[in-house]
N, C-alpha and C. Protein backbone atom coordinates (compact mmCIF):
# COMPACT_ATOMS: atom_id res chain seq x y z
N UNK A 1 -98.44 206.80 -55.39
CA UNK A 1 -97.95 205.50 -54.96
C UNK A 1 -97.39 205.56 -53.54
N UNK A 2 -96.67 206.65 -53.23
CA UNK A 2 -96.14 206.78 -51.87
C UNK A 2 -97.29 207.02 -50.89
N UNK A 3 -98.28 207.82 -51.31
CA UNK A 3 -99.43 208.10 -50.45
C UNK A 3 -100.19 206.82 -50.12
N UNK A 4 -100.21 205.88 -51.07
CA UNK A 4 -100.92 204.62 -50.85
C UNK A 4 -100.08 203.59 -50.12
N UNK A 5 -98.85 203.95 -49.77
CA UNK A 5 -98.01 203.05 -48.98
C UNK A 5 -97.36 201.95 -49.79
N UNK A 6 -97.20 202.14 -51.11
CA UNK A 6 -96.58 201.11 -51.93
C UNK A 6 -95.07 201.03 -51.70
N UNK A 7 -94.48 202.11 -51.26
CA UNK A 7 -93.07 202.08 -50.86
C UNK A 7 -92.83 203.17 -49.84
N UNK A 8 -91.71 203.07 -49.15
CA UNK A 8 -91.45 203.99 -48.04
C UNK A 8 -90.81 205.29 -48.54
N UNK A 9 -90.52 206.17 -47.60
CA UNK A 9 -89.98 207.48 -47.93
C UNK A 9 -88.60 207.41 -48.56
N UNK A 10 -87.72 206.59 -48.02
CA UNK A 10 -86.32 206.55 -48.49
C UNK A 10 -86.21 206.19 -49.97
N UNK A 11 -86.84 205.11 -50.45
CA UNK A 11 -86.73 204.83 -51.89
C UNK A 11 -87.29 205.96 -52.77
N UNK A 12 -88.42 206.53 -52.35
CA UNK A 12 -88.99 207.64 -53.11
C UNK A 12 -88.03 208.82 -53.15
N UNK A 13 -87.50 209.20 -51.99
CA UNK A 13 -86.63 210.36 -51.90
C UNK A 13 -85.37 210.18 -52.75
N UNK A 14 -84.69 209.04 -52.57
CA UNK A 14 -83.44 208.84 -53.31
C UNK A 14 -83.68 208.68 -54.81
N UNK A 15 -84.77 208.06 -55.20
CA UNK A 15 -85.07 207.96 -56.63
C UNK A 15 -85.39 209.34 -57.20
N UNK A 16 -86.07 210.17 -56.43
CA UNK A 16 -86.38 211.53 -56.87
C UNK A 16 -85.09 212.35 -57.05
N UNK A 17 -84.21 212.28 -56.07
CA UNK A 17 -82.96 213.04 -56.13
C UNK A 17 -82.08 212.54 -57.27
N UNK A 18 -81.89 211.23 -57.36
CA UNK A 18 -80.99 210.67 -58.37
C UNK A 18 -81.56 210.79 -59.79
N UNK A 19 -82.88 210.71 -59.93
CA UNK A 19 -83.46 210.80 -61.28
C UNK A 19 -83.41 212.21 -61.84
N UNK A 20 -83.35 213.22 -61.00
CA UNK A 20 -83.31 214.60 -61.50
C UNK A 20 -81.88 215.07 -61.82
N UNK A 21 -80.87 214.40 -61.30
CA UNK A 21 -79.49 214.84 -61.53
C UNK A 21 -79.09 214.88 -63.01
N UNK A 22 -79.37 213.83 -63.82
CA UNK A 22 -78.97 213.92 -65.23
C UNK A 22 -79.65 215.07 -65.98
N UNK A 23 -80.93 215.28 -65.74
CA UNK A 23 -81.63 216.37 -66.43
C UNK A 23 -81.12 217.72 -65.96
N UNK A 24 -80.86 217.82 -64.67
CA UNK A 24 -80.30 219.06 -64.12
C UNK A 24 -78.96 219.37 -64.79
N UNK A 25 -78.14 218.36 -64.93
CA UNK A 25 -76.82 218.53 -65.54
C UNK A 25 -76.93 218.92 -67.01
N UNK A 26 -77.79 218.24 -67.75
CA UNK A 26 -77.96 218.54 -69.18
C UNK A 26 -78.45 219.97 -69.38
N UNK A 27 -79.47 220.38 -68.64
CA UNK A 27 -79.99 221.73 -68.79
C UNK A 27 -78.95 222.78 -68.42
N UNK A 28 -78.18 222.50 -67.39
CA UNK A 28 -77.17 223.47 -66.98
C UNK A 28 -76.06 223.59 -68.01
N UNK A 29 -75.64 222.48 -68.59
CA UNK A 29 -74.61 222.52 -69.63
C UNK A 29 -75.13 223.27 -70.85
N UNK A 30 -76.37 223.02 -71.23
CA UNK A 30 -76.95 223.73 -72.38
C UNK A 30 -77.02 225.24 -72.15
N UNK A 31 -77.15 225.64 -70.89
CA UNK A 31 -77.18 227.07 -70.56
C UNK A 31 -75.77 227.64 -70.40
N UNK A 32 -74.94 226.97 -69.62
CA UNK A 32 -73.66 227.53 -69.21
C UNK A 32 -72.65 227.62 -70.35
N UNK A 33 -72.56 226.59 -71.17
CA UNK A 33 -71.53 226.57 -72.21
C UNK A 33 -71.67 227.75 -73.17
N UNK A 34 -72.82 227.96 -73.78
CA UNK A 34 -72.88 229.13 -74.69
C UNK A 34 -72.84 230.47 -73.96
N UNK A 35 -73.51 230.57 -72.81
CA UNK A 35 -73.58 231.86 -72.12
C UNK A 35 -72.22 232.32 -71.61
N UNK A 36 -71.38 231.40 -71.18
CA UNK A 36 -70.07 231.77 -70.68
C UNK A 36 -69.26 232.48 -71.76
N UNK A 37 -69.24 231.90 -72.94
CA UNK A 37 -68.44 232.47 -74.02
C UNK A 37 -69.11 233.70 -74.63
N UNK A 38 -70.43 233.71 -74.70
CA UNK A 38 -71.14 234.89 -75.22
C UNK A 38 -70.97 236.10 -74.31
N UNK A 39 -70.85 235.88 -73.01
CA UNK A 39 -70.68 236.97 -72.05
C UNK A 39 -69.26 237.53 -72.07
N UNK A 40 -68.35 236.83 -72.72
CA UNK A 40 -66.97 237.32 -72.81
C UNK A 40 -66.20 237.20 -71.50
N UNK A 41 -66.50 236.18 -70.72
CA UNK A 41 -65.79 235.97 -69.46
C UNK A 41 -64.39 235.43 -69.75
N UNK A 42 -63.59 235.26 -68.73
CA UNK A 42 -62.19 234.87 -68.92
C UNK A 42 -62.07 233.59 -69.75
N UNK A 43 -61.29 233.63 -70.81
CA UNK A 43 -61.19 232.47 -71.71
C UNK A 43 -60.16 231.44 -71.25
N UNK A 44 -60.25 231.02 -70.01
CA UNK A 44 -59.35 229.97 -69.52
C UNK A 44 -60.18 228.77 -69.07
N UNK A 45 -59.57 227.60 -69.16
CA UNK A 45 -60.28 226.37 -68.79
C UNK A 45 -60.64 226.39 -67.31
N UNK A 46 -59.72 226.82 -66.47
CA UNK A 46 -59.97 226.84 -65.02
C UNK A 46 -61.13 227.74 -64.65
N UNK A 47 -61.17 228.93 -65.25
CA UNK A 47 -62.26 229.87 -64.95
C UNK A 47 -63.59 229.31 -65.47
N UNK A 48 -63.57 228.69 -66.65
CA UNK A 48 -64.79 228.13 -67.21
C UNK A 48 -65.32 226.99 -66.34
N UNK A 49 -64.44 226.07 -65.93
CA UNK A 49 -64.88 224.94 -65.10
C UNK A 49 -65.34 225.41 -63.73
N UNK A 50 -64.66 226.41 -63.16
CA UNK A 50 -65.09 226.97 -61.88
C UNK A 50 -66.46 227.62 -61.99
N UNK A 51 -66.68 228.33 -63.08
CA UNK A 51 -67.98 228.94 -63.32
C UNK A 51 -69.06 227.88 -63.43
N UNK A 52 -68.78 226.81 -64.18
CA UNK A 52 -69.75 225.70 -64.32
C UNK A 52 -70.06 225.08 -62.96
N UNK A 53 -69.04 224.84 -62.15
CA UNK A 53 -69.24 224.21 -60.85
C UNK A 53 -70.12 225.06 -59.94
N UNK A 54 -69.80 226.34 -59.82
CA UNK A 54 -70.55 227.19 -58.88
C UNK A 54 -71.94 227.54 -59.41
N UNK A 55 -72.09 227.62 -60.73
CA UNK A 55 -73.43 227.82 -61.29
C UNK A 55 -74.28 226.58 -61.03
N UNK A 56 -73.68 225.40 -61.22
CA UNK A 56 -74.37 224.14 -60.95
C UNK A 56 -74.83 224.08 -59.49
N UNK A 57 -73.94 224.44 -58.58
CA UNK A 57 -74.28 224.37 -57.16
C UNK A 57 -75.37 225.39 -56.79
N UNK A 58 -75.34 226.56 -57.40
CA UNK A 58 -76.37 227.57 -57.11
C UNK A 58 -77.74 227.09 -57.60
N UNK A 59 -77.78 226.56 -58.81
CA UNK A 59 -79.05 226.09 -59.35
C UNK A 59 -79.55 224.86 -58.58
N UNK A 60 -78.63 223.97 -58.22
CA UNK A 60 -79.03 222.79 -57.47
C UNK A 60 -79.52 223.17 -56.06
N UNK A 61 -78.91 224.19 -55.47
CA UNK A 61 -79.39 224.69 -54.18
C UNK A 61 -80.83 225.18 -54.31
N UNK A 62 -81.13 225.88 -55.39
CA UNK A 62 -82.50 226.35 -55.63
C UNK A 62 -83.46 225.18 -55.76
N UNK A 63 -83.05 224.16 -56.48
CA UNK A 63 -83.90 222.99 -56.65
C UNK A 63 -84.13 222.28 -55.31
N UNK A 64 -83.08 222.16 -54.53
CA UNK A 64 -83.21 221.50 -53.22
C UNK A 64 -84.10 222.31 -52.29
N UNK A 65 -83.97 223.64 -52.34
CA UNK A 65 -84.84 224.49 -51.53
C UNK A 65 -86.30 224.30 -51.95
N UNK A 66 -86.54 224.27 -53.26
CA UNK A 66 -87.90 224.07 -53.76
C UNK A 66 -88.44 222.71 -53.33
N UNK A 67 -87.59 221.69 -53.36
CA UNK A 67 -88.04 220.37 -52.94
C UNK A 67 -88.35 220.34 -51.45
N UNK A 68 -87.56 221.02 -50.65
CA UNK A 68 -87.82 221.07 -49.20
C UNK A 68 -89.14 221.80 -48.92
N UNK A 69 -89.37 222.90 -49.61
CA UNK A 69 -90.61 223.65 -49.39
C UNK A 69 -91.81 222.85 -49.86
N UNK A 70 -91.69 222.21 -51.02
CA UNK A 70 -92.80 221.40 -51.54
C UNK A 70 -93.09 220.20 -50.63
N UNK A 71 -92.05 219.69 -49.96
CA UNK A 71 -92.26 218.58 -49.03
C UNK A 71 -92.91 219.04 -47.74
N UNK A 72 -92.65 220.27 -47.35
CA UNK A 72 -93.18 220.78 -46.08
C UNK A 72 -94.59 221.32 -46.22
N UNK A 73 -94.91 221.88 -47.39
CA UNK A 73 -96.19 222.56 -47.57
C UNK A 73 -96.93 221.88 -48.73
N UNK A 74 -98.07 221.30 -48.44
CA UNK A 74 -98.79 220.55 -49.48
C UNK A 74 -99.62 221.43 -50.40
N UNK A 75 -99.92 222.63 -50.02
CA UNK A 75 -100.68 223.55 -50.87
C UNK A 75 -99.72 224.22 -51.86
N UNK A 76 -100.02 224.08 -53.14
CA UNK A 76 -99.15 224.65 -54.17
C UNK A 76 -99.01 226.17 -54.03
N UNK A 77 -100.13 226.86 -53.80
CA UNK A 77 -100.11 228.32 -53.72
C UNK A 77 -99.27 228.80 -52.54
N UNK A 78 -99.43 228.17 -51.39
CA UNK A 78 -98.67 228.57 -50.20
C UNK A 78 -97.19 228.25 -50.40
N UNK A 79 -96.91 227.07 -50.96
CA UNK A 79 -95.51 226.68 -51.20
C UNK A 79 -94.84 227.65 -52.17
N UNK A 80 -95.56 228.07 -53.22
CA UNK A 80 -95.00 229.03 -54.17
C UNK A 80 -94.73 230.38 -53.50
N UNK A 81 -95.64 230.81 -52.63
CA UNK A 81 -95.45 232.07 -51.91
C UNK A 81 -94.22 232.00 -51.00
N UNK A 82 -94.10 230.92 -50.24
CA UNK A 82 -92.97 230.76 -49.33
C UNK A 82 -91.65 230.67 -50.11
N UNK A 83 -91.66 229.95 -51.22
CA UNK A 83 -90.45 229.84 -52.04
C UNK A 83 -90.02 231.20 -52.57
N UNK A 84 -90.98 232.00 -53.07
CA UNK A 84 -90.66 233.34 -53.55
C UNK A 84 -90.15 234.24 -52.44
N UNK A 85 -90.76 234.12 -51.27
CA UNK A 85 -90.33 234.91 -50.13
C UNK A 85 -88.89 234.57 -49.74
N UNK A 86 -88.60 233.28 -49.62
CA UNK A 86 -87.23 232.86 -49.26
C UNK A 86 -86.23 233.27 -50.33
N UNK A 87 -86.59 233.09 -51.60
CA UNK A 87 -85.68 233.47 -52.68
C UNK A 87 -85.41 234.97 -52.65
N UNK A 88 -86.43 235.77 -52.37
CA UNK A 88 -86.23 237.22 -52.29
C UNK A 88 -85.30 237.59 -51.15
N UNK A 89 -85.46 236.94 -50.01
CA UNK A 89 -84.57 237.20 -48.87
C UNK A 89 -83.14 236.80 -49.23
N UNK A 90 -82.98 235.64 -49.86
CA UNK A 90 -81.64 235.20 -50.25
C UNK A 90 -81.04 236.14 -51.29
N UNK A 91 -81.85 236.63 -52.21
CA UNK A 91 -81.35 237.53 -53.24
C UNK A 91 -80.91 238.86 -52.64
N UNK A 92 -81.73 239.43 -51.74
CA UNK A 92 -81.38 240.71 -51.12
C UNK A 92 -80.14 240.60 -50.24
N UNK A 93 -79.90 239.43 -49.66
CA UNK A 93 -78.75 239.27 -48.77
C UNK A 93 -77.57 238.61 -49.48
N UNK A 94 -77.57 238.62 -50.81
CA UNK A 94 -76.49 237.96 -51.55
C UNK A 94 -75.35 238.90 -51.90
N UNK A 95 -75.59 240.20 -51.89
CA UNK A 95 -74.56 241.15 -52.30
C UNK A 95 -74.69 241.54 -53.76
N UNK A 96 -75.65 240.97 -54.46
CA UNK A 96 -75.85 241.27 -55.87
C UNK A 96 -76.55 242.61 -56.06
N UNK A 97 -77.52 242.89 -55.22
CA UNK A 97 -78.29 244.13 -55.34
C UNK A 97 -77.80 245.20 -54.36
N UNK A 98 -77.50 244.78 -53.13
CA UNK A 98 -77.09 245.70 -52.08
C UNK A 98 -75.73 245.25 -51.55
N UNK A 99 -74.82 246.21 -51.36
CA UNK A 99 -73.55 245.88 -50.74
C UNK A 99 -73.83 245.34 -49.34
N UNK A 100 -73.28 244.19 -49.02
CA UNK A 100 -73.61 243.51 -47.76
C UNK A 100 -73.24 244.32 -46.52
N UNK A 101 -72.21 245.13 -46.62
CA UNK A 101 -71.81 245.92 -45.46
C UNK A 101 -72.76 247.10 -45.21
N UNK A 102 -73.60 247.44 -46.20
CA UNK A 102 -74.55 248.54 -46.01
C UNK A 102 -75.89 248.05 -45.47
N UNK A 103 -76.04 246.73 -45.29
CA UNK A 103 -77.27 246.20 -44.70
C UNK A 103 -77.34 246.55 -43.23
N UNK A 104 -78.55 246.67 -42.73
CA UNK A 104 -78.77 246.90 -41.31
C UNK A 104 -78.20 245.72 -40.53
N UNK A 105 -77.54 246.00 -39.43
CA UNK A 105 -76.87 244.97 -38.64
C UNK A 105 -77.81 243.86 -38.20
N UNK A 106 -79.09 244.20 -37.97
CA UNK A 106 -80.05 243.21 -37.53
C UNK A 106 -80.36 242.12 -38.55
N UNK A 107 -80.18 242.43 -39.84
CA UNK A 107 -80.44 241.43 -40.88
C UNK A 107 -79.19 241.02 -41.64
N UNK A 108 -78.06 241.58 -41.28
CA UNK A 108 -76.81 241.27 -41.98
C UNK A 108 -76.43 239.80 -41.85
N UNK A 109 -76.85 239.15 -40.77
CA UNK A 109 -76.53 237.75 -40.56
C UNK A 109 -77.17 236.85 -41.62
N UNK A 110 -78.22 237.33 -42.30
CA UNK A 110 -78.89 236.52 -43.32
C UNK A 110 -77.95 236.14 -44.47
N UNK A 111 -76.93 236.94 -44.69
CA UNK A 111 -76.02 236.65 -45.79
C UNK A 111 -75.34 235.28 -45.62
N UNK A 112 -75.17 234.84 -44.38
CA UNK A 112 -74.52 233.55 -44.15
C UNK A 112 -75.42 232.38 -44.54
N UNK A 113 -76.73 232.60 -44.64
CA UNK A 113 -77.66 231.54 -45.01
C UNK A 113 -78.00 231.56 -46.50
N UNK A 114 -77.55 232.57 -47.22
CA UNK A 114 -77.93 232.76 -48.61
C UNK A 114 -77.00 231.98 -49.55
N UNK A 115 -77.56 230.97 -50.21
CA UNK A 115 -76.75 230.23 -51.19
C UNK A 115 -76.39 231.13 -52.37
N UNK A 116 -77.19 232.16 -52.64
CA UNK A 116 -76.87 233.09 -53.72
C UNK A 116 -75.65 233.94 -53.37
N UNK A 117 -75.48 234.25 -52.10
CA UNK A 117 -74.29 235.01 -51.66
C UNK A 117 -73.03 234.21 -51.92
N UNK A 118 -73.07 232.94 -51.54
CA UNK A 118 -71.87 232.10 -51.69
C UNK A 118 -71.52 231.88 -53.16
N UNK A 119 -72.52 231.63 -53.98
CA UNK A 119 -72.24 231.40 -55.41
C UNK A 119 -71.83 232.70 -56.10
N UNK A 120 -72.49 233.81 -55.76
CA UNK A 120 -72.14 235.11 -56.34
C UNK A 120 -70.71 235.49 -55.98
N UNK A 121 -70.34 235.28 -54.73
CA UNK A 121 -68.99 235.60 -54.30
C UNK A 121 -67.96 234.73 -55.02
N UNK A 122 -68.23 233.44 -55.13
CA UNK A 122 -67.30 232.53 -55.81
C UNK A 122 -67.17 232.89 -57.29
N UNK A 123 -68.29 233.14 -57.97
CA UNK A 123 -68.25 233.47 -59.39
C UNK A 123 -67.49 234.78 -59.63
N UNK A 124 -67.64 235.75 -58.75
CA UNK A 124 -66.90 237.01 -58.89
C UNK A 124 -65.41 236.79 -58.65
N UNK A 125 -65.06 235.98 -57.66
CA UNK A 125 -63.65 235.71 -57.42
C UNK A 125 -63.01 235.01 -58.61
N UNK A 126 -63.73 234.06 -59.20
CA UNK A 126 -63.21 233.35 -60.36
C UNK A 126 -62.98 234.32 -61.52
N UNK A 127 -63.90 235.22 -61.72
CA UNK A 127 -63.82 236.13 -62.87
C UNK A 127 -62.84 237.28 -62.67
N UNK A 128 -62.79 237.88 -61.48
CA UNK A 128 -62.02 239.11 -61.30
C UNK A 128 -60.61 238.92 -60.75
N UNK A 129 -60.37 237.82 -60.07
CA UNK A 129 -59.04 237.62 -59.48
C UNK A 129 -57.98 237.57 -60.59
N UNK A 130 -56.96 238.39 -60.45
CA UNK A 130 -55.86 238.40 -61.41
C UNK A 130 -56.03 239.35 -62.58
N UNK A 131 -57.18 240.01 -62.70
CA UNK A 131 -57.38 240.95 -63.80
C UNK A 131 -56.77 242.30 -63.47
N UNK A 132 -56.34 243.01 -64.49
CA UNK A 132 -55.90 244.41 -64.32
C UNK A 132 -56.73 245.27 -65.26
N UNK A 133 -57.04 246.49 -64.81
CA UNK A 133 -57.88 247.40 -65.57
C UNK A 133 -57.09 248.65 -65.92
N UNK A 134 -57.49 249.27 -67.01
CA UNK A 134 -56.88 250.54 -67.39
C UNK A 134 -57.93 251.63 -67.27
N UNK A 135 -57.48 252.80 -66.90
CA UNK A 135 -58.39 253.94 -66.73
C UNK A 135 -58.05 255.00 -67.78
N UNK A 136 -59.07 255.71 -68.20
CA UNK A 136 -58.81 256.80 -69.15
C UNK A 136 -58.30 258.02 -68.40
N UNK A 137 -57.85 259.02 -69.12
CA UNK A 137 -57.25 260.20 -68.49
C UNK A 137 -58.25 260.98 -67.65
N UNK A 138 -59.52 260.97 -68.01
CA UNK A 138 -60.54 261.68 -67.23
C UNK A 138 -60.67 261.09 -65.84
N UNK A 139 -60.72 259.77 -65.74
CA UNK A 139 -60.83 259.14 -64.42
C UNK A 139 -59.59 259.41 -63.57
N UNK A 140 -58.44 259.35 -64.18
CA UNK A 140 -57.21 259.62 -63.43
C UNK A 140 -57.18 261.08 -62.99
N UNK A 141 -57.65 262.00 -63.83
CA UNK A 141 -57.70 263.41 -63.46
C UNK A 141 -58.67 263.65 -62.30
N UNK A 142 -59.84 262.99 -62.31
CA UNK A 142 -60.85 263.17 -61.27
C UNK A 142 -60.40 262.54 -59.96
N UNK A 143 -59.90 261.31 -60.00
CA UNK A 143 -59.58 260.57 -58.78
C UNK A 143 -58.10 260.68 -58.38
N UNK A 144 -57.26 261.15 -59.25
CA UNK A 144 -55.85 261.24 -58.95
C UNK A 144 -55.11 259.95 -59.27
N UNK A 145 -55.84 258.88 -59.40
CA UNK A 145 -55.29 257.58 -59.78
C UNK A 145 -56.44 256.72 -60.30
N UNK A 146 -56.13 255.57 -60.78
CA UNK A 146 -57.17 254.67 -61.26
C UNK A 146 -57.89 254.10 -60.03
N UNK A 147 -59.21 254.36 -59.85
CA UNK A 147 -59.90 253.95 -58.63
C UNK A 147 -59.97 252.43 -58.44
N UNK A 148 -60.12 251.70 -59.52
CA UNK A 148 -60.13 250.24 -59.44
C UNK A 148 -59.11 249.75 -60.45
N UNK A 149 -57.89 249.51 -59.98
CA UNK A 149 -56.78 249.17 -60.86
C UNK A 149 -56.74 247.69 -61.21
N UNK A 150 -57.28 246.84 -60.33
CA UNK A 150 -57.22 245.41 -60.62
C UNK A 150 -58.43 244.69 -60.01
N UNK A 151 -58.54 243.41 -60.30
CA UNK A 151 -59.67 242.63 -59.82
C UNK A 151 -59.74 242.50 -58.32
N UNK A 152 -58.60 242.44 -57.67
CA UNK A 152 -58.58 242.33 -56.20
C UNK A 152 -59.19 243.56 -55.55
N UNK A 153 -58.90 244.74 -56.10
CA UNK A 153 -59.48 245.98 -55.56
C UNK A 153 -60.99 245.98 -55.80
N UNK A 154 -61.42 245.51 -56.97
CA UNK A 154 -62.86 245.44 -57.27
C UNK A 154 -63.56 244.51 -56.28
N UNK A 155 -62.99 243.35 -56.04
CA UNK A 155 -63.60 242.40 -55.09
C UNK A 155 -63.66 242.99 -53.69
N UNK A 156 -62.58 243.65 -53.28
CA UNK A 156 -62.54 244.24 -51.94
C UNK A 156 -63.56 245.37 -51.80
N UNK A 157 -63.74 246.16 -52.85
CA UNK A 157 -64.66 247.30 -52.75
C UNK A 157 -66.12 246.85 -52.60
N UNK A 158 -66.43 245.64 -53.03
CA UNK A 158 -67.79 245.11 -52.89
C UNK A 158 -67.88 244.02 -51.82
N UNK A 159 -66.82 243.89 -51.02
CA UNK A 159 -66.76 242.91 -49.94
C UNK A 159 -67.00 241.49 -50.45
N UNK A 160 -66.42 241.18 -51.60
CA UNK A 160 -66.58 239.84 -52.16
C UNK A 160 -65.29 239.02 -52.04
N UNK A 161 -64.39 239.49 -51.19
CA UNK A 161 -63.13 238.77 -51.00
C UNK A 161 -62.98 238.21 -49.59
N UNK A 162 -64.09 238.18 -48.85
CA UNK A 162 -64.03 237.80 -47.44
C UNK A 162 -63.71 236.32 -47.24
N UNK A 163 -64.28 235.45 -48.08
CA UNK A 163 -64.08 234.01 -47.93
C UNK A 163 -63.45 233.45 -49.20
N UNK A 164 -62.75 232.34 -49.05
CA UNK A 164 -62.08 231.72 -50.20
C UNK A 164 -63.06 230.89 -51.02
N UNK A 165 -62.61 230.43 -52.18
CA UNK A 165 -63.44 229.56 -53.01
C UNK A 165 -63.77 228.26 -52.29
N UNK A 166 -62.83 227.75 -51.52
CA UNK A 166 -63.08 226.52 -50.76
C UNK A 166 -64.17 226.73 -49.72
N UNK A 167 -64.15 227.88 -49.05
CA UNK A 167 -65.20 228.18 -48.08
C UNK A 167 -66.55 228.35 -48.76
N UNK A 168 -66.55 228.97 -49.94
CA UNK A 168 -67.80 229.12 -50.69
C UNK A 168 -68.34 227.74 -51.09
N UNK A 169 -67.46 226.86 -51.56
CA UNK A 169 -67.88 225.51 -51.93
C UNK A 169 -68.45 224.77 -50.73
N UNK A 170 -67.74 224.85 -49.60
CA UNK A 170 -68.20 224.16 -48.38
C UNK A 170 -69.55 224.67 -47.93
N UNK A 171 -69.75 225.98 -47.97
CA UNK A 171 -71.03 226.56 -47.56
C UNK A 171 -72.15 226.11 -48.49
N UNK A 172 -71.91 226.14 -49.80
CA UNK A 172 -72.93 225.69 -50.75
C UNK A 172 -73.25 224.22 -50.57
N UNK A 173 -72.23 223.41 -50.37
CA UNK A 173 -72.45 221.98 -50.16
C UNK A 173 -73.26 221.76 -48.88
N UNK A 174 -72.94 222.49 -47.83
CA UNK A 174 -73.69 222.39 -46.57
C UNK A 174 -75.15 222.80 -46.73
N UNK A 175 -75.39 223.87 -47.49
CA UNK A 175 -76.76 224.34 -47.72
C UNK A 175 -77.54 223.30 -48.52
N UNK A 176 -76.91 222.72 -49.54
CA UNK A 176 -77.57 221.67 -50.33
C UNK A 176 -77.93 220.50 -49.44
N UNK A 177 -76.99 220.06 -48.60
CA UNK A 177 -77.25 218.92 -47.71
C UNK A 177 -78.36 219.25 -46.71
N UNK A 178 -78.37 220.48 -46.20
CA UNK A 178 -79.42 220.88 -45.26
C UNK A 178 -80.80 220.81 -45.92
N UNK A 179 -80.92 221.34 -47.14
CA UNK A 179 -82.20 221.29 -47.84
C UNK A 179 -82.62 219.85 -48.15
N UNK A 180 -81.65 219.00 -48.50
CA UNK A 180 -81.98 217.60 -48.79
C UNK A 180 -82.45 216.87 -47.53
N UNK A 181 -81.76 217.11 -46.41
CA UNK A 181 -82.17 216.49 -45.14
C UNK A 181 -83.55 216.98 -44.74
N UNK A 182 -83.79 218.28 -44.86
CA UNK A 182 -85.11 218.82 -44.55
C UNK A 182 -86.18 218.20 -45.44
N UNK A 183 -85.87 218.04 -46.72
CA UNK A 183 -86.83 217.41 -47.63
C UNK A 183 -87.18 216.01 -47.17
N UNK A 184 -86.17 215.25 -46.81
CA UNK A 184 -86.41 213.87 -46.36
C UNK A 184 -87.25 213.86 -45.09
N UNK A 185 -86.90 214.71 -44.13
CA UNK A 185 -87.64 214.76 -42.86
C UNK A 185 -89.09 215.17 -43.10
N UNK A 186 -89.29 216.18 -43.94
CA UNK A 186 -90.66 216.62 -44.23
C UNK A 186 -91.46 215.53 -44.94
N UNK A 187 -90.82 214.85 -45.89
CA UNK A 187 -91.51 213.76 -46.57
C UNK A 187 -91.88 212.64 -45.61
N UNK A 188 -91.00 212.40 -44.67
CA UNK A 188 -91.20 211.29 -43.74
C UNK A 188 -92.29 211.59 -42.72
N UNK A 189 -92.35 212.81 -42.22
CA UNK A 189 -93.21 213.10 -41.08
C UNK A 189 -94.43 213.97 -41.38
N UNK A 190 -94.53 214.54 -42.56
CA UNK A 190 -95.69 215.38 -42.89
C UNK A 190 -96.56 214.62 -43.88
N UNK A 191 -97.84 214.58 -43.59
CA UNK A 191 -98.79 213.92 -44.49
C UNK A 191 -98.78 214.64 -45.84
N UNK A 192 -98.46 213.91 -46.90
CA UNK A 192 -98.29 214.52 -48.21
C UNK A 192 -99.58 214.59 -49.04
N UNK A 193 -100.66 214.11 -48.50
CA UNK A 193 -101.92 214.18 -49.24
C UNK A 193 -102.42 215.63 -49.18
N UNK A 194 -102.64 216.23 -50.35
CA UNK A 194 -103.14 217.61 -50.33
C UNK A 194 -104.53 217.70 -49.73
N UNK A 195 -104.76 218.80 -49.05
CA UNK A 195 -106.08 219.03 -48.46
C UNK A 195 -107.07 219.43 -49.55
N UNK A 196 -108.29 218.91 -49.44
CA UNK A 196 -109.28 219.24 -50.47
C UNK A 196 -110.14 220.41 -50.06
């Protein structure tokens, strides 16, 4: 219908974004509510709601990225390749697989563009901040003290305490807005008819 000029880009874009929000929310609630408690994470309302918020933002960032790529590239195979490539770059620069400080300086800047880095950092801060750990006698004998005595030390050892939760939220919100704006621009200026 949009290809045939029955309506302009703005109504299509906003209807697409707004129509997916309820389904996105329902699917995320169906996933997050049982998984949070099954994983044995902190049993507090604040930690649970924070986890829901940042998980929602991470998944929505992925959806917005996919929408931007699909709007820019009309070939399904090429769009899928580019999406996987970008996701892999974001995953490697998130701190989940590799400690961010051990990355080569030339690519370390990628962590600032990774929505997975911001959500991973926020989720770890929510879970580990305020926790205390106990060590067995073997660990104390080997290290002379408990190597990771509390959540703050754990966050610092993995460089996940650099930015606050507010900064993580702002970065995720900015990334979502960037992907949405790119989607709109691509829809508006790139011919969406697939090549035959």
